[in-house]
Amino acid sequence: MKERSLLPELMDDPSLDAVALQQALNEVTLVNRILGGNKVTTRGLDYFFKKFPKEHYSIADMGCGDGATLRTVAGYCRKKGISVSLLGYDFNPKSIALAREKSTDYPEIQFEVQDILKLDADRFSCDIILSVLTMHHFTNAEIDRFLNQFLQLSRLGVVINDLQRSQIAYVLFKAFSRVFMRSHIARYDGLISIKRAFTKKELVTFTKKLPVTHYQLSWRWAFRYLWILEKQH
């Protein structure tokens, strides 16, 4: 656990069977709900909602998977009376197909197949960018690149919800997955994700290289970091 692993995750394989992908994504969504991961994301959004009140917000989720995060955000904003337009990007067409299928009751959400490292700031912008359990899929060099890119693409800033690299988290997830998860892919990828995740020191190091006015970095249950990057204005 001293260094980030670069082992690939099974769900990153674009040739993965759609049925197996759906089962794995369903279990990731279940884990997020049980362990409170969605609250980490909405707490980060609240930072921008309160500090920069607007009549309408545009929010993009980079690496949206089957759209579970955006459906949670849509439901949260409906309850709060916050007007939003939501866009989900993912490089995997199968994930986007699942996201569209599951989100028919959410007209405020749209999805596109897109390599998030190739978005063009001259052609796209939004108020807030979300990255939920996506950043750990990339190398450190790629992370430097996409964090700078996300700050260019967003008008207000970025909310990142990702994992802490921890031996305790690894052991606890291994036990948890045996009880609550049936998908081998979800079990395997969950453990690899923890090995690919971050220490607080590593996230601070990334931050020091970014053009930000303000940032917040806090540990959240279960073994998550909420990282808020406010863009320089």
C-alpha atoms as a PDB file:
ATOM      1  CA  MET A   1       0.000   0.000   0.000  1.00  0.00           C
ATOM      2  CA  LYS A   2       3.007   2.349   0.033  1.00  0.00           C
ATOM      3  CA  GLU A   3       2.698   3.031  -3.698  1.00  0.00           C
ATOM      4  CA  ARG A   4      -0.325   3.249  -6.009  1.00  0.00           C
ATOM      5  CA  SER A   5      -0.931   0.055  -7.970  1.00  0.00           C
ATOM      6  CA  LEU A   6      -1.258   0.196 -11.748  1.00  0.00           C
ATOM      7  CA  LEU A   7      -3.091  -3.118 -12.071  1.00  0.00           C
ATOM      8  CA  PRO A   8      -6.015  -2.747 -14.522  1.00  0.00           C
ATOM      9  CA  GLU A   9      -9.617  -3.169 -13.431  1.00  0.00           C
ATOM     10  CA  LEU A  10     -11.845  -5.621 -15.270  1.00  0.00           C
ATOM     11  CA  MET A  11     -14.574  -3.018 -15.839  1.00  0.00           C
ATOM     12  CA  ASP A  12     -12.095  -0.865 -17.760  1.00  0.00           C
ATOM     13  CA  ASP A  13     -12.060  -3.476 -20.538  1.00  0.00           C
ATOM     14  CA  PRO A  14     -14.376  -2.182 -23.320  1.00  0.00           C
ATOM     15  CA  SER A  15     -14.924  -5.755 -24.525  1.00  0.00           C
ATOM     16  CA  LEU A  16     -16.521  -6.776 -21.222  1.00  0.00           C
ATOM     17  CA  ASP A  17     -19.906  -8.429 -21.721  1.00  0.00           C
ATOM     18  CA  ALA A  18     -22.785  -5.966 -21.218  1.00  0.00           C
ATOM     19  CA  VAL A  19     -24.639  -8.273 -18.814  1.00  0.00           C
ATOM     20  CA  ALA A  20     -21.558  -8.756 -16.633  1.00  0.00           C
ATOM     21  CA  LEU A  21     -20.891  -5.007 -16.739  1.00  0.00           C
ATOM     22  CA  GLN A  22     -24.439  -4.222 -15.641  1.00  0.00           C
ATOM     23  CA  GLN A  23     -24.256  -6.670 -12.739  1.00  0.00           C
ATOM     24  CA  ALA A  24     -20.959  -5.196 -11.571  1.00  0.00           C
ATOM     25  CA  LEU A  25     -22.194  -1.604 -11.864  1.00  0.00           C
ATOM     26  CA  ASN A  26     -25.375  -2.503  -9.963  1.00  0.00           C
ATOM     27  CA  GLU A  27     -23.266  -3.807  -7.095  1.00  0.00           C
ATOM     28  CA  VAL A  28     -21.031  -0.733  -7.099  1.00  0.00           C
ATOM     29  CA  THR A  29     -24.211   1.357  -6.814  1.00  0.00           C
ATOM     30  CA  LEU A  30     -25.414  -0.831  -3.948  1.00  0.00           C
ATOM     31  CA  VAL A  31     -22.120  -0.405  -2.077  1.00  0.00           C
ATOM     32  CA  ASN A  32     -22.293   3.366  -2.554  1.00  0.00           C
ATOM     33  CA  ARG A  33     -25.799   3.446  -1.133  1.00  0.00           C
ATOM     34  CA  ILE A  34     -25.059   1.196   1.850  1.00  0.00           C
ATOM     35  CA  LEU A  35     -21.820   2.961   2.796  1.00  0.00           C
ATOM     36  CA  GLY A  36     -23.060   6.502   2.215  1.00  0.00           C
ATOM     37  CA  GLY A  37     -20.846   7.359  -0.744  1.00  0.00           C
ATOM     38  CA  ASN A  38     -23.573   9.395  -2.444  1.00  0.00           C
ATOM     39  CA  LYS A  39     -23.730  11.812   0.489  1.00  0.00           C
ATOM     40  CA  VAL A  40     -20.070  12.633  -0.063  1.00  0.00           C
ATOM     41  CA  THR A  41     -20.895  13.841  -3.579  1.00  0.00           C
ATOM     42  CA  THR A  42     -23.936  15.918  -2.620  1.00  0.00           C
ATOM     43  CA  ARG A  43     -21.996  17.508   0.234  1.00  0.00           C
ATOM     44  CA  GLY A  44     -19.390  18.649  -2.273  1.00  0.00           C
ATOM     45  CA  LEU A  45     -22.058  20.108  -4.545  1.00  0.00           C
ATOM     46  CA  ASP A  46     -23.593  21.952  -1.595  1.00  0.00           C
ATOM     47  CA  TYR A  47     -20.318  23.841  -1.198  1.00  0.00           C
ATOM     48  CA  PHE A  48     -20.797  25.423  -4.634  1.00  0.00           C
ATOM     49  CA  PHE A  49     -24.578  25.798  -4.339  1.00  0.00           C
ATOM     50  CA  LYS A  50     -24.189  27.842  -1.133  1.00  0.00           C
ATOM     51  CA  LYS A  51     -21.145  29.878  -2.146  1.00  0.00           C
ATOM     52  CA  PHE A  52     -22.277  30.651  -5.715  1.00  0.00           C
ATOM     53  CA  PRO A  53     -26.088  30.898  -5.722  1.00  0.00           C
ATOM     54  CA  LYS A  54     -27.530  30.763  -9.242  1.00  0.00           C
ATOM     55  CA  GLU A  55     -30.915  30.172 -10.857  1.00  0.00           C
ATOM     56  CA  HIS A  56     -29.560  27.190 -12.775  1.00  0.00           C
ATOM     57  CA  TYR A  57     -26.438  24.987 -12.658  1.00  0.00           C
ATOM     58  CA  SER A  58     -24.880  22.811 -15.343  1.00  0.00           C
ATOM     59  CA  ILE A  59     -23.041  19.804 -13.903  1.00  0.00           C
ATOM     60  CA  ALA A  60     -20.979  17.182 -15.735  1.00  0.00           C
ATOM     61  CA  ASP A  61     -19.982  13.780 -14.352  1.00  0.00           C
ATOM     62  CA  MET A  62     -16.721  12.529 -15.848  1.00  0.00           C
ATOM     63  CA  GLY A  63     -16.674   8.738 -15.991  1.00  0.00           C
ATOM     64  CA  CYS A  64     -20.371   8.404 -15.227  1.00  0.00           C
ATOM     65  CA  GLY A  65     -20.700   4.622 -15.616  1.00  0.00           C
ATOM     66  CA  ASP A  66     -24.393   3.707 -15.636  1.00  0.00           C
ATOM     67  CA  GLY A  67     -25.425   7.174 -14.460  1.00  0.00           C
ATOM     68  CA  ALA A  68     -26.156   6.264 -10.842  1.00  0.00           C
ATOM     69  CA  THR A  69     -24.413   9.362  -9.463  1.00  0.00           C
ATOM     70  CA  LEU A  70     -26.308  11.735 -11.743  1.00  0.00           C
ATOM     71  CA  ARG A  71     -29.636  10.132 -10.855  1.00  0.00           C
ATOM     72  CA  THR A  72     -28.773  10.680  -7.186  1.00  0.00           C
ATOM     73  CA  VAL A  73     -27.834  14.302  -7.907  1.00  0.00           C
ATOM     74  CA  ALA A  74     -31.027  14.831  -9.900  1.00  0.00           C
ATOM     75  CA  GLY A  75     -33.158  13.476  -7.058  1.00  0.00           C
ATOM     76  CA  TYR A  76     -31.292  15.569  -4.502  1.00  0.00           C
ATOM     77  CA  CYS A  77     -31.685  18.765  -6.527  1.00  0.00           C
ATOM     78  CA  ARG A  78     -35.380  18.096  -7.099  1.00  0.00           C
ATOM     79  CA  LYS A  79     -35.920  17.856  -3.332  1.00  0.00           C
ATOM     80  CA  LYS A  80     -33.920  21.049  -2.756  1.00  0.00           C
ATOM     81  CA  GLY A  81     -35.651  22.936  -5.579  1.00  0.00           C
ATOM     82  CA  ILE A  82     -32.362  23.497  -7.408  1.00  0.00           C
ATOM     83  CA  SER A  83     -32.573  23.769 -11.199  1.00  0.00           C
ATOM     84  CA  VAL A  84     -29.883  21.720 -12.944  1.00  0.00           C
ATOM     85  CA  SER A  85     -28.900  20.287 -16.287  1.00  0.00           C
ATOM     86  CA  LEU A  86     -26.765  17.163 -15.939  1.00  0.00           C
ATOM     87  CA  LEU A  87     -24.393  15.556 -18.430  1.00  0.00           C
ATOM     88  CA  GLY A  88     -22.647  12.211 -18.060  1.00  0.00           C
ATOM     89  CA  TYR A  89     -19.526  11.258 -20.009  1.00  0.00           C
ATOM     90  CA  ASP A  90     -18.026   7.779 -20.256  1.00  0.00           C
ATOM     91  CA  PHE A  91     -15.704   6.176 -22.799  1.00  0.00           C
ATOM     92  CA  ASN A  92     -17.615   2.864 -22.736  1.00  0.00           C
ATOM     93  CA  PRO A  93     -20.660   2.778 -25.077  1.00  0.00           C
ATOM     94  CA  LYS A  94     -22.130  -0.105 -23.062  1.00  0.00           C
ATOM     95  CA  SER A  95     -22.090   1.965 -19.890  1.00  0.00           C
ATOM     96  CA  ILE A  96     -23.755   4.888 -21.685  1.00  0.00           C
ATOM     97  CA  ALA A  97     -26.429   2.574 -23.092  1.00  0.00           C
ATOM     98  CA  LEU A  98     -27.183   1.326 -19.566  1.00  0.00           C
ATOM     99  CA  ALA A  99     -27.211   4.903 -18.248  1.00  0.00           C
ATOM    100  CA  ARG A 100     -29.758   6.020 -20.841  1.00  0.00           C
ATOM    101  CA  GLU A 101     -31.926   2.979 -20.199  1.00  0.00           C
ATOM    102  CA  LYS A 102     -31.992   3.587 -16.436  1.00  0.00           C
ATOM    103  CA  SER A 103     -32.510   7.353 -16.649  1.00  0.00           C
ATOM    104  CA  THR A 104     -35.656   7.668 -18.754  1.00  0.00           C
ATOM    105  CA  ASP A 105     -37.458   9.349 -15.834  1.00  0.00           C
ATOM    106  CA  TYR A 106     -34.780  12.059 -15.606  1.00  0.00           C
ATOM    107  CA  PRO A 107     -35.157  14.494 -18.528  1.00  0.00           C
ATOM    108  CA  GLU A 108     -32.573  16.784 -16.920  1.00  0.00           C
ATOM    109  CA  ILE A 109     -29.849  14.172 -17.589  1.00  0.00           C
ATOM    110  CA  GLN A 110     -28.097  13.526 -20.895  1.00  0.00           C
ATOM    111  CA  PHE A 111     -25.281  11.088 -21.646  1.00  0.00           C
ATOM    112  CA  GLU A 112     -22.531  10.973 -24.246  1.00  0.00           C
ATOM    113  CA  VAL A 113     -19.778   8.538 -25.161  1.00  0.00           C
ATOM    114  CA  GLN A 114     -16.585  10.490 -24.665  1.00  0.00           C
ATOM    115  CA  ASP A 115     -12.941  10.058 -23.686  1.00  0.00           C
ATOM    116  CA  ILE A 116     -12.765  12.542 -20.814  1.00  0.00           C
ATOM    117  CA  LEU A 117      -9.076  13.218 -21.491  1.00  0.00           C
ATOM    118  CA  LYS A 118      -9.980  14.552 -24.941  1.00  0.00           C
ATOM    119  CA  LEU A 119     -12.638  17.111 -24.074  1.00  0.00           C
ATOM    120  CA  ASP A 120     -12.033  20.499 -25.689  1.00  0.00           C
ATOM    121  CA  ALA A 121     -12.414  23.593 -23.485  1.00  0.00           C
ATOM    122  CA  ASP A 122     -13.202  25.658 -26.603  1.00  0.00           C
ATOM    123  CA  ARG A 123     -16.297  23.554 -27.295  1.00  0.00           C
ATOM    124  CA  PHE A 124     -17.555  22.590 -23.835  1.00  0.00           C
ATOM    125  CA  SER A 125     -17.963  24.173 -20.423  1.00  0.00           C
ATOM    126  CA  CYS A 126     -20.169  23.742 -17.367  1.00  0.00           C
ATOM    127  CA  ASP A 127     -20.498  25.146 -13.867  1.00  0.00           C
ATOM    128  CA  ILE A 128     -19.328  22.143 -11.842  1.00  0.00           C
ATOM    129  CA  ILE A 129     -17.496  18.959 -12.764  1.00  0.00           C
ATOM    130  CA  LEU A 130     -17.916  15.752 -10.786  1.00  0.00           C
ATOM    131  CA  SER A 131     -15.454  12.882 -10.603  1.00  0.00           C
ATOM    132  CA  VAL A 132     -16.808  10.002  -8.539  1.00  0.00           C
ATOM    133  CA  LEU A 133     -14.628   6.888  -8.181  1.00  0.00           C
ATOM    134  CA  THR A 134     -13.049   7.717 -11.529  1.00  0.00           C
ATOM    135  CA  MET A 135      -9.726   9.377 -10.754  1.00  0.00           C
ATOM    136  CA  HIS A 136      -8.086   6.236  -9.363  1.00  0.00           C
ATOM    137  CA  HIS A 137      -8.414   4.611 -12.795  1.00  0.00           C
ATOM    138  CA  PHE A 138      -5.681   6.923 -14.114  1.00  0.00           C
ATOM    139  CA  THR A 139      -1.928   7.242 -13.704  1.00  0.00           C
ATOM    140  CA  ASN A 140      -0.478  10.196 -11.790  1.00  0.00           C
ATOM    141  CA  ALA A 141       0.575  11.890 -15.036  1.00  0.00           C
ATOM    142  CA  GLU A 142      -2.928  11.510 -16.469  1.00  0.00           C
ATOM    143  CA  ILE A 143      -4.428  12.867 -13.232  1.00  0.00           C
ATOM    144  CA  ASP A 144      -2.292  16.018 -13.454  1.00  0.00           C
ATOM    145  CA  ARG A 145      -3.576  16.453 -16.993  1.00  0.00           C
ATOM    146  CA  PHE A 146      -7.248  15.917 -16.361  1.00  0.00           C
ATOM    147  CA  LEU A 147      -7.382  18.007 -13.175  1.00  0.00           C
ATOM    148  CA  ASN A 148      -6.014  20.996 -15.065  1.00  0.00           C
ATOM    149  CA  GLN A 149      -8.395  20.252 -17.903  1.00  0.00           C
ATOM    150  CA  PHE A 150     -11.397  19.981 -15.560  1.00  0.00           C
ATOM    151  CA  LEU A 151     -10.577  23.347 -14.029  1.00  0.00           C
ATOM    152  CA  GLN A 152     -10.505  24.831 -17.531  1.00  0.00           C
ATOM    153  CA  LEU A 153     -13.841  23.233 -18.427  1.00  0.00           C
ATOM    154  CA  SER A 154     -15.669  24.304 -15.257  1.00  0.00           C
ATOM    155  CA  ARG A 155     -16.784  27.823 -14.382  1.00  0.00           C
ATOM    156  CA  LEU A 156     -16.910  27.233 -10.613  1.00  0.00           C
ATOM    157  CA  GLY A 157     -14.806  24.175  -9.840  1.00  0.00           C
ATOM    158  CA  VAL A 158     -14.560  20.444  -9.330  1.00  0.00           C
ATOM    159  CA  VAL A 159     -15.940  17.942  -6.809  1.00  0.00           C
ATOM    160  CA  ILE A 160     -13.992  14.692  -6.452  1.00  0.00           C
ATOM    161  CA  ASN A 161     -15.196  11.709  -4.445  1.00  0.00           C
ATOM    162  CA  ASP A 162     -12.602   8.955  -4.431  1.00  0.00           C
ATOM    163  CA  LEU A 163     -11.047   6.251  -2.293  1.00  0.00           C
ATOM    164  CA  GLN A 164      -8.397   6.216   0.407  1.00  0.00           C
ATOM    165  CA  ARG A 165      -5.600   3.689  -0.075  1.00  0.00           C
ATOM    166  CA  SER A 166      -5.521   1.797   3.200  1.00  0.00           C
ATOM    167  CA  GLN A 167      -4.775  -1.715   4.404  1.00  0.00           C
ATOM    168  CA  ILE A 168      -7.738  -1.470   6.784  1.00  0.00           C
ATOM    169  CA  ALA A 169     -10.046  -0.473   3.917  1.00  0.00           C
ATOM    170  CA  TYR A 170      -8.753  -3.422   1.866  1.00  0.00           C
ATOM    171  CA  VAL A 171      -9.402  -5.969   4.617  1.00  0.00           C
ATOM    172  CA  LEU A 172     -12.831  -4.568   5.476  1.00  0.00           C
ATOM    173  CA  PHE A 173     -13.934  -4.444   1.830  1.00  0.00           C
ATOM    174  CA  LYS A 174     -12.802  -8.024   1.325  1.00  0.00           C
ATOM    175  CA  ALA A 175     -15.062  -9.138   4.184  1.00  0.00           C
ATOM    176  CA  PHE A 176     -17.915  -6.847   3.100  1.00  0.00           C
ATOM    177  CA  SER A 177     -17.848  -8.082  -0.497  1.00  0.00           C
ATOM    178  CA  ARG A 178     -18.124 -11.699   0.546  1.00  0.00           C
ATOM    179  CA  VAL A 179     -21.429 -10.942   2.251  1.00  0.00           C
ATOM    180  CA  PHE A 180     -23.016  -8.301   0.021  1.00  0.00           C
ATOM    181  CA  MET A 181     -21.580  -8.834  -3.467  1.00  0.00           C
ATOM    182  CA  ARG A 182     -22.101 -11.697  -5.898  1.00  0.00           C
ATOM    183  CA  SER A 183     -20.234 -10.352  -8.915  1.00  0.00           C
ATOM    184  CA  HIS A 184     -16.637 -11.552  -9.181  1.00  0.00           C
ATOM    185  CA  ILE A 185     -15.865  -8.472 -11.272  1.00  0.00           C
ATOM    186  CA  ALA A 186     -17.177  -6.073  -8.626  1.00  0.00           C
ATOM    187  CA  ARG A 187     -15.313  -7.908  -5.852  1.00  0.00           C
ATOM    188  CA  TYR A 188     -12.048  -7.996  -7.789  1.00  0.00           C
ATOM    189  CA  ASP A 189     -12.264  -4.415  -9.042  1.00  0.00           C
ATOM    190  CA  GLY A 190     -13.178  -3.139  -5.583  1.00  0.00           C
ATOM    191  CA  LEU A 191      -9.929  -4.490  -4.158  1.00  0.00           C
ATOM    192  CA  ILE A 192      -7.888  -3.223  -7.102  1.00  0.00           C
ATOM    193  CA  SER A 193      -9.541   0.189  -6.715  1.00  0.00           C
ATOM    194  CA  ILE A 194      -8.307   0.440  -3.135  1.00  0.00           C
ATOM    195  CA  LYS A 195      -4.777  -0.437  -4.272  1.00  0.00           C
ATOM    196  CA  ARG A 196      -5.010   2.266  -6.964  1.00  0.00           C
ATOM    197  CA  ALA A 197      -6.429   4.853  -4.553  1.00  0.00           C
ATOM    198  CA  PHE A 198      -4.761   7.739  -2.707  1.00  0.00           C
ATOM    199  CA  THR A 199      -3.263   8.945   0.517  1.00  0.00           C
ATOM    200  CA  LYS A 200      -4.025  12.459   1.747  1.00  0.00           C
ATOM    201  CA  LYS A 201      -0.407  13.458   1.138  1.00  0.00           C
ATOM    202  CA  GLU A 202      -0.664  12.434  -2.524  1.00  0.00           C
ATOM    203  CA  LEU A 203      -3.827  14.507  -3.040  1.00  0.00           C
ATOM    204  CA  VAL A 204      -2.216  17.535  -1.413  1.00  0.00           C
ATOM    205  CA  THR A 205       0.733  17.142  -3.792  1.00  0.00           C
ATOM    206  CA  PHE A 206      -1.644  17.165  -6.778  1.00  0.00           C
ATOM    207  CA  THR A 207      -3.354  20.278  -5.399  1.00  0.00           C
ATOM    208  CA  LYS A 208      -0.165  22.292  -5.096  1.00  0.00           C
ATOM    209  CA  LYS A 209       0.256  22.147  -8.876  1.00  0.00           C
ATOM    210  CA  LEU A 210      -3.269  23.397  -9.657  1.00  0.00           C
ATOM    211  CA  PRO A 211      -4.595  26.930 -10.336  1.00  0.00           C
ATOM    212  CA  VAL A 212      -7.153  27.007  -7.518  1.00  0.00           C
ATOM    213  CA  THR A 213      -8.451  29.822  -5.324  1.00  0.00           C
ATOM    214  CA  HIS A 214      -9.421  27.500  -2.506  1.00  0.00           C
ATOM    215  CA  TYR A 215      -9.657  23.792  -1.838  1.00  0.00           C
ATOM    216  CA  GLN A 216     -11.049  21.472   0.807  1.00  0.00           C
ATOM    217  CA  LEU A 217      -9.799  17.941   1.407  1.00  0.00           C
ATOM    218  CA  SER A 218     -11.570  15.868   4.017  1.00  0.00           C
ATOM    219  CA  TRP A 219     -11.830  12.193   4.929  1.00  0.00           C
ATOM    220  CA  ARG A 220     -15.304  10.692   4.831  1.00  0.00           C
ATOM    221  CA  TRP A 221     -16.759   7.337   5.704  1.00  0.00           C
ATOM    222  CA  ALA A 222     -16.252   4.770   4.288  1.00  0.00           C
ATOM    223  CA  PHE A 223     -12.583   5.405   3.476  1.00  0.00           C
ATOM    224  CA  ARG A 224     -13.333   8.212   1.022  1.00  0.00           C
ATOM    225  CA  TYR A 225     -11.868  11.614   0.366  1.00  0.00           C
ATOM    226  CA  LEU A 226     -14.043  14.577  -0.548  1.00  0.00           C
ATOM    227  CA  TRP A 227     -11.836  16.932  -2.531  1.00  0.00           C
ATOM    228  CA  ILE A 228     -13.296  20.295  -3.552  1.00  0.00           C
ATOM    229  CA  LEU A 229     -11.332  22.473  -5.982  1.00  0.00           C
ATOM    230  CA  GLU A 230     -12.543  26.035  -6.433  1.00  0.00           C
ATOM    231  CA  LYS A 231     -11.416  27.558  -9.677  1.00  0.00           C
ATOM    232  CA  GLN A 232      -9.447  30.793  -9.728  1.00  0.00           C
ATOM    233  CA  HIS A 233     -11.554  33.719 -10.916  1.00  0.00           C
END
